[in-house]
Amino acid sequence: MLWEQWWAWVAGGFVLGVLEVLAPGYIFLGFAIGAVLVGVLLGFGALSGGSLPALLTIFAIASLVAWVVLRRTMGVREGQVKLWDRDINDN
């Protein structure tokens, strides 16, 4: 089936990456990394013969880990708050 093809997962990851560029906020980037990782694992034969539930579970875990890592490295740090002390329309 299509979900057993490595290129389908990589292509899906690239589509999610483009979606992240169009709608920034590190929302789709974790999913893109998870999809590409599953595609790479399928390509190298580490997940050969994987069923759809197994592949989706690996995708979900990889996406969650990627999202947490991205959130810690690129998110707002504790105590880091943007304060606006004046309006740009004020003279």
Protein backbone atom coordinates (compact mmCIF):
# COMPACT_ATOMS: atom_id res chain seq x y z
CA MET A 1 0.00 0.00 0.00
CA LEU A 2 0.94 3.63 -0.24
CA TRP A 3 1.83 4.00 3.44
CA GLU A 4 4.52 1.33 3.01
CA GLN A 5 6.36 3.47 0.43
CA TRP A 6 9.19 5.56 1.85
CA TRP A 7 8.79 8.32 -0.74
CA ALA A 8 5.15 8.92 0.26
CA TRP A 9 6.19 9.70 3.83
CA VAL A 10 9.05 11.96 2.69
CA ALA A 11 6.77 13.77 0.23
CA GLY A 12 4.18 14.23 2.98
CA GLY A 13 6.89 15.62 5.23
CA PHE A 14 7.94 18.12 2.57
CA VAL A 15 4.31 19.19 2.07
CA LEU A 16 4.02 19.77 5.82
CA GLY A 17 7.29 21.71 5.71
CA VAL A 18 5.91 23.99 3.01
CA LEU A 19 2.74 24.41 5.05
CA GLU A 20 4.92 25.46 7.98
CA VAL A 21 6.52 28.15 5.83
CA LEU A 22 3.08 29.44 4.84
CA ALA A 23 1.71 29.31 8.39
CA PRO A 24 4.69 29.78 10.73
CA GLY A 25 4.57 28.99 14.40
CA TYR A 26 6.34 25.62 14.69
CA ILE A 27 3.01 23.80 14.43
CA PHE A 28 3.54 21.72 11.30
CA LEU A 29 7.32 21.44 11.55
CA GLY A 30 7.17 18.68 14.17
CA PHE A 31 4.80 16.68 11.99
CA ALA A 32 7.07 17.24 8.99
CA ILE A 33 10.09 15.96 10.89
CA GLY A 34 8.12 12.91 12.08
CA ALA A 35 6.94 12.08 8.56
CA VAL A 36 10.42 12.43 7.06
CA LEU A 37 11.86 10.28 9.87
CA VAL A 38 9.34 7.51 9.17
CA GLY A 39 10.17 7.78 5.45
CA VAL A 40 13.88 7.51 6.14
CA LEU A 41 13.36 4.51 8.41
CA LEU A 42 11.23 2.84 5.73
CA GLY A 43 13.83 3.68 3.09
CA PHE A 44 16.63 2.05 5.05
CA GLY A 45 14.48 -1.01 5.73
CA ALA A 46 14.23 -0.56 9.48
CA LEU A 47 10.43 -0.64 9.31
CA SER A 48 9.95 -2.98 6.35
CA GLY A 49 6.58 -4.68 6.38
CA GLY A 50 5.21 -2.26 8.95
CA SER A 51 1.48 -2.09 9.36
CA LEU A 52 -0.39 1.20 9.22
CA PRO A 53 -1.05 1.37 12.99
CA ALA A 54 2.63 0.73 13.73
CA LEU A 55 3.77 3.39 11.26
CA LEU A 56 1.26 5.91 12.61
CA THR A 57 2.42 5.21 16.16
CA ILE A 58 6.05 5.80 15.19
CA PHE A 59 5.00 8.94 13.31
CA ALA A 60 3.09 10.23 16.34
CA ILE A 61 5.95 9.56 18.76
CA ALA A 62 8.56 11.08 16.43
CA SER A 63 6.37 14.14 15.84
CA LEU A 64 5.81 14.64 19.56
CA VAL A 65 9.52 14.36 20.33
CA ALA A 66 10.36 16.76 17.48
CA TRP A 67 7.73 19.23 18.69
CA VAL A 68 9.04 19.13 22.28
CA VAL A 69 12.63 19.63 21.10
CA LEU A 70 11.61 22.52 18.84
CA ARG A 71 9.56 24.08 21.63
CA ARG A 72 12.51 23.93 24.03
CA THR A 73 15.08 25.23 21.56
CA MET A 74 13.08 27.83 19.65
CA GLY A 75 10.14 28.66 21.90
CA VAL A 76 9.77 31.46 24.39
CA ARG A 77 11.99 30.81 27.35
CA GLU A 78 10.77 31.07 30.93
CA GLY A 79 10.79 34.67 32.02
CA GLN A 80 11.21 35.91 28.45
CA VAL A 81 8.27 38.15 27.75
CA LYS A 82 7.89 40.84 25.13
CA LEU A 83 6.74 44.04 26.83
CA TRP A 84 5.29 46.86 24.81
CA ASP A 85 5.89 50.17 26.57
CA ARG A 86 4.62 52.43 23.81
CA ASP A 87 2.33 52.27 20.83
CA ILE A 88 3.91 52.64 17.37
CA ASN A 89 1.17 55.12 16.48
CA ASP A 90 2.10 57.49 19.31
CA ASN A 91 4.37 60.38 18.43
